[in-house]
Amino acid sequence: MLGKARIFGASFIKLDGTVRSGSFRLGVIPPGKREGSERKRNLDPDEHGNLIVWDMKISAYRTIALKRVLYLRVRGKTIKPKDIQLP
């Protein structure tokens, strides 16, 4: 879906029904969670069709439910939901 792209734009519907759009980054690891540190999550994001990203505007993590994506913008190309491959 995103290939090697690390920064992308997205628009998606939040759980409360509002739309969020922004610029996001993949692969951001918080301080203290680098090599040798175990990351513990209650749910596996891949199993639930979620993508954990860094919101570049507000400097915070976001979870994007792939089934709620309106579009992704990667390297100048817009990808619609019908073209998104879930993990």
Protein backbone atom coordinates (compact mmCIF):
# COMPACT_ATOMS: atom_id res chain seq x y z
CA MET A 1 0.00 0.00 0.00
CA LEU A 2 2.53 2.63 1.13
CA GLY A 3 5.62 0.78 -0.03
CA LYS A 4 8.75 2.49 1.26
CA ALA A 5 6.98 5.84 1.74
CA ARG A 6 7.34 7.11 5.29
CA ILE A 7 5.33 10.34 5.03
CA PHE A 8 1.84 10.42 3.55
CA GLY A 9 -1.41 12.33 3.67
CA ALA A 10 -4.69 10.74 4.69
CA SER A 11 -8.30 11.52 5.33
CA PHE A 12 -10.39 9.18 7.44
CA ILE A 13 -13.56 9.01 9.50
CA LYS A 14 -12.96 8.99 13.24
CA LEU A 15 -15.03 6.80 15.56
CA ASP A 16 -17.18 9.79 16.52
CA GLY A 17 -18.10 10.26 12.83
CA THR A 18 -16.01 13.38 12.18
CA VAL A 19 -13.41 13.50 9.43
CA ARG A 20 -9.71 13.97 10.16
CA SER A 21 -7.20 14.87 7.46
CA GLY A 22 -3.51 15.41 7.86
CA SER A 23 0.08 14.48 7.23
CA PHE A 24 1.33 11.37 8.93
CA ARG A 25 4.59 9.50 9.29
CA LEU A 26 5.31 5.80 9.69
CA GLY A 27 8.13 4.31 11.75
CA VAL A 28 8.33 6.89 14.56
CA ILE A 29 9.46 5.16 17.74
CA PRO A 30 9.08 6.99 21.06
CA PRO A 31 12.17 7.58 23.23
CA GLY A 32 12.79 4.62 25.52
CA LYS A 33 11.13 2.21 23.09
CA ARG A 34 14.09 1.64 20.82
CA GLU A 35 16.31 -1.44 20.53
CA GLY A 36 15.89 -4.05 23.22
CA SER A 37 12.67 -2.57 24.54
CA GLU A 38 9.45 -4.54 24.28
CA ARG A 39 6.39 -2.68 23.05
CA LYS A 40 3.22 -3.86 24.71
CA ARG A 41 -0.16 -3.23 23.15
CA ASN A 42 -3.51 -4.61 24.13
CA LEU A 43 -4.39 -5.26 20.49
CA ASP A 44 -2.30 -6.12 17.46
CA PRO A 45 -2.98 -3.28 14.98
CA ASP A 46 -2.39 -5.54 11.97
CA GLU A 47 -5.00 -8.06 13.11
CA HIS A 48 -7.61 -5.32 13.44
CA GLY A 49 -6.83 -3.47 10.21
CA ASN A 50 -5.29 -0.47 11.98
CA LEU A 51 -2.27 1.62 11.14
CA ILE A 52 -0.34 3.33 13.96
CA VAL A 53 1.09 6.63 12.69
CA TRP A 54 2.66 9.86 13.93
CA ASP A 55 0.49 12.95 13.31
CA MET A 56 3.02 15.52 12.13
CA LYS A 57 0.79 18.53 12.86
CA ILE A 58 0.19 17.89 16.56
CA SER A 59 3.18 15.60 17.29
CA ALA A 60 1.15 12.70 18.64
CA TYR A 61 0.35 9.12 17.71
CA ARG A 62 -2.87 8.29 15.87
CA THR A 63 -4.52 5.01 15.03
CA ILE A 64 -6.09 4.94 11.59
CA ALA A 65 -8.69 2.24 10.99
CA LEU A 66 -8.06 1.28 7.37
CA LYS A 67 -11.74 0.44 6.83
CA ARG A 68 -12.57 4.12 7.58
CA VAL A 69 -10.03 5.68 5.19
CA LEU A 70 -11.45 8.08 2.61
CA TYR A 71 -8.14 8.43 0.76
CA LEU A 72 -4.37 8.24 1.15
CA ARG A 73 -2.00 10.55 -0.69
CA VAL A 74 1.41 9.00 -1.31
CA ARG A 75 4.16 10.52 -3.48
CA GLY A 76 1.64 12.81 -5.18
CA LYS A 77 -0.83 10.02 -5.99
CA THR A 78 -4.24 9.66 -4.38
CA ILE A 79 -5.26 6.14 -3.38
CA LYS A 80 -8.96 5.46 -2.84
CA PRO A 81 -10.28 2.78 -0.43
CA LYS A 82 -11.05 0.31 -3.21
CA ASP A 83 -7.33 0.28 -4.08
CA ILE A 84 -6.08 -0.10 -0.49
CA GLN A 85 -4.84 -3.58 0.38
CA LEU A 86 -5.42 -4.53 4.00
CA PRO A 87 -2.62 -6.40 5.75
